[in-house]
Amino acid sequence: MRLGARAGFKRNERMLSLDPRYVVAFPGNGVLERLVIEAKSRRITVVDRRGPLGTSPKRAAQDTD
């Protein structure tokens, strides 16, 4: 089944329909942001690993060298 531009949203809807205990959020895009908002509205615990706005994990790793 091809979902086209809505594939990310549909995938997230399917994941949330499984009633997870947790959602772990890594850096992503607007689809991920929507997943976090929806999970919180369903009272699902969100483990947020996105970091502060404007940070890049690759750059942070380079800065520690």
N, C-alpha and C. Protein backbone atom coordinates (compact mmCIF):
# COMPACT_ATOMS: atom_id res chain seq x y z
N MET A 1 0.85 -1.18 0.00
CA MET A 1 0.00 0.00 0.00
C MET A 1 0.89 1.24 0.00
N ARG A 2 0.66 2.12 -0.94
CA ARG A 2 1.43 3.37 -1.02
C ARG A 2 0.60 4.49 -0.41
N LEU A 3 1.24 5.25 0.47
CA LEU A 3 0.52 6.32 1.16
C LEU A 3 0.92 7.71 0.68
N GLY A 4 1.97 7.78 -0.11
CA GLY A 4 2.39 9.07 -0.66
C GLY A 4 2.86 10.04 0.41
N ALA A 5 2.47 11.29 0.26
CA ALA A 5 2.94 12.36 1.14
C ALA A 5 2.47 12.17 2.58
N ARG A 6 1.43 11.42 2.80
CA ARG A 6 0.90 11.22 4.16
C ARG A 6 1.48 9.98 4.85
N ALA A 7 2.46 9.35 4.24
CA ALA A 7 3.00 8.10 4.77
C ALA A 7 3.48 8.23 6.21
N GLY A 8 4.22 9.29 6.51
CA GLY A 8 4.73 9.48 7.87
C GLY A 8 3.61 9.64 8.89
N PHE A 9 2.60 10.41 8.54
CA PHE A 9 1.47 10.61 9.45
C PHE A 9 0.71 9.31 9.67
N LYS A 10 0.48 8.56 8.60
CA LYS A 10 -0.25 7.29 8.71
C LYS A 10 0.54 6.29 9.55
N ARG A 11 1.86 6.23 9.35
CA ARG A 11 2.70 5.33 10.13
C ARG A 11 2.60 5.68 11.62
N ASN A 12 2.65 6.97 11.93
CA ASN A 12 2.55 7.39 13.33
C ASN A 12 1.19 7.06 13.92
N GLU A 13 0.13 7.24 13.14
CA GLU A 13 -1.22 6.88 13.61
C GLU A 13 -1.29 5.40 13.94
N ARG A 14 -0.69 4.58 13.09
CA ARG A 14 -0.69 3.13 13.33
C ARG A 14 0.09 2.79 14.60
N MET A 15 1.24 3.43 14.79
CA MET A 15 2.02 3.16 16.00
C MET A 15 1.24 3.53 17.25
N LEU A 16 0.60 4.70 17.24
CA LEU A 16 -0.15 5.13 18.41
C LEU A 16 -1.38 4.27 18.65
N SER A 17 -1.92 3.66 17.60
CA SER A 17 -3.09 2.80 17.77
C SER A 17 -2.75 1.53 18.54
N LEU A 18 -1.46 1.23 18.70
CA LEU A 18 -1.02 0.06 19.46
C LEU A 18 -0.96 0.34 20.96
N ASP A 19 -1.35 1.54 21.37
CA ASP A 19 -1.35 1.95 22.78
C ASP A 19 0.00 1.73 23.47
N PRO A 20 1.05 2.38 22.96
CA PRO A 20 2.37 2.20 23.58
C PRO A 20 2.44 2.85 24.95
N ARG A 21 3.37 2.39 25.77
CA ARG A 21 3.61 3.02 27.07
C ARG A 21 4.43 4.28 26.91
N TYR A 22 5.37 4.26 25.98
CA TYR A 22 6.30 5.36 25.77
C TYR A 22 6.44 5.68 24.29
N VAL A 23 6.81 6.92 24.03
CA VAL A 23 7.26 7.35 22.70
C VAL A 23 8.61 8.00 22.93
N VAL A 24 9.63 7.56 22.19
CA VAL A 24 10.95 8.17 22.28
C VAL A 24 11.13 9.04 21.04
N ALA A 25 11.37 10.33 21.26
CA ALA A 25 11.47 11.29 20.16
C ALA A 25 12.92 11.71 19.96
N PHE A 26 13.46 11.43 18.78
CA PHE A 26 14.79 11.87 18.38
C PHE A 26 14.62 13.02 17.39
N PRO A 27 15.71 13.75 17.07
CA PRO A 27 15.56 14.87 16.12
C PRO A 27 14.87 14.42 14.84
N GLY A 28 13.96 15.24 14.37
CA GLY A 28 13.20 14.89 13.18
C GLY A 28 12.60 16.10 12.52
N ASN A 29 11.35 15.99 12.13
CA ASN A 29 10.69 17.06 11.37
C ASN A 29 9.29 17.31 11.93
N GLY A 30 8.45 17.95 11.15
CA GLY A 30 7.10 18.26 11.57
C GLY A 30 6.24 17.03 11.81
N VAL A 31 6.51 15.95 11.11
CA VAL A 31 5.76 14.71 11.31
C VAL A 31 6.05 14.19 12.72
N LEU A 32 7.31 14.26 13.12
CA LEU A 32 7.69 13.84 14.47
C LEU A 32 7.04 14.74 15.52
N GLU A 33 7.04 16.03 15.27
CA GLU A 33 6.42 16.97 16.20
C GLU A 33 4.94 16.64 16.40
N ARG A 34 4.27 16.31 15.32
CA ARG A 34 2.85 15.93 15.40
C ARG A 34 2.68 14.65 16.22
N LEU A 35 3.61 13.70 16.07
CA LEU A 35 3.57 12.46 16.84
C LEU A 35 3.69 12.77 18.33
N VAL A 36 4.62 13.64 18.70
CA VAL A 36 4.82 14.00 20.11
C VAL A 36 3.56 14.66 20.67
N ILE A 37 2.99 15.60 19.92
CA ILE A 37 1.78 16.29 20.37
C ILE A 37 0.64 15.29 20.57
N GLU A 38 0.46 14.40 19.61
CA GLU A 38 -0.62 13.42 19.70
C GLU A 38 -0.39 12.45 20.86
N ALA A 39 0.86 12.02 21.05
CA ALA A 39 1.16 11.10 22.16
C ALA A 39 0.85 11.76 23.50
N LYS A 40 1.25 13.02 23.65
CA LYS A 40 0.97 13.73 24.90
C LYS A 40 -0.52 13.89 25.12
N SER A 41 -1.27 14.14 24.05
CA SER A 41 -2.72 14.30 24.21
C SER A 41 -3.39 12.99 24.63
N ARG A 42 -2.74 11.86 24.32
CA ARG A 42 -3.26 10.55 24.72
C ARG A 42 -2.67 10.09 26.06
N ARG A 43 -1.94 10.99 26.71
CA ARG A 43 -1.29 10.72 28.00
C ARG A 43 -0.27 9.58 27.91
N ILE A 44 0.43 9.51 26.78
CA ILE A 44 1.52 8.56 26.60
C ILE A 44 2.80 9.28 27.01
N THR A 45 3.64 8.62 27.81
CA THR A 45 4.89 9.21 28.25
C THR A 45 5.80 9.43 27.04
N VAL A 46 6.33 10.65 26.91
CA VAL A 46 7.24 10.99 25.82
C VAL A 46 8.64 11.18 26.39
N VAL A 47 9.60 10.39 25.90
CA VAL A 47 11.00 10.55 26.26
C VAL A 47 11.61 11.39 25.14
N ASP A 48 11.90 12.64 25.45
CA ASP A 48 12.32 13.60 24.42
C ASP A 48 13.84 13.67 24.36
N ARG A 49 14.41 13.18 23.27
CA ARG A 49 15.86 13.20 23.05
C ARG A 49 16.23 14.11 21.89
N ARG A 50 15.37 15.10 21.63
CA ARG A 50 15.62 15.99 20.50
C ARG A 50 16.64 17.06 20.82
N GLY A 51 16.88 17.34 22.09
CA GLY A 51 17.86 18.35 22.48
C GLY A 51 17.31 19.75 22.32
N PRO A 52 18.10 20.74 22.77
CA PRO A 52 17.65 22.13 22.64
C PRO A 52 17.54 22.55 21.18
N LEU A 53 16.66 23.48 20.91
CA LEU A 53 16.50 23.97 19.54
C LEU A 53 17.81 24.52 19.01
N GLY A 54 18.10 24.23 17.77
CA GLY A 54 19.29 24.76 17.12
C GLY A 54 20.54 23.94 17.34
N THR A 55 20.47 22.80 18.01
CA THR A 55 21.66 21.98 18.20
C THR A 55 21.71 20.89 17.16
N SER A 56 22.90 20.52 16.81
CA SER A 56 23.11 19.45 15.84
C SER A 56 23.95 18.37 16.50
N PRO A 57 23.47 17.13 16.58
CA PRO A 57 24.26 16.07 17.21
C PRO A 57 25.64 15.90 16.58
N LYS A 58 25.74 16.03 15.26
CA LYS A 58 27.04 15.88 14.59
C LYS A 58 27.99 16.98 15.02
N ARG A 59 27.47 18.20 15.08
CA ARG A 59 28.32 19.32 15.48
C ARG A 59 28.72 19.19 16.95
N ALA A 60 27.81 18.77 17.81
CA ALA A 60 28.12 18.60 19.22
C ALA A 60 29.22 17.56 19.40
N ALA A 61 29.19 16.49 18.60
CA ALA A 61 30.22 15.46 18.68
C ALA A 61 31.57 16.01 18.24
N GLN A 62 31.60 16.86 17.23
CA GLN A 62 32.85 17.46 16.77
C GLN A 62 33.42 18.41 17.81
N ASP A 63 32.55 19.12 18.53
CA ASP A 63 33.00 20.09 19.52
C ASP A 63 33.66 19.43 20.72
N THR A 64 33.38 18.16 20.97
CA THR A 64 33.96 17.48 22.13
C THR A 64 35.33 16.91 21.83
N ASP A 65 35.74 16.89 20.58
CA ASP A 65 37.07 16.34 20.22
C ASP A 65 38.19 17.25 20.66
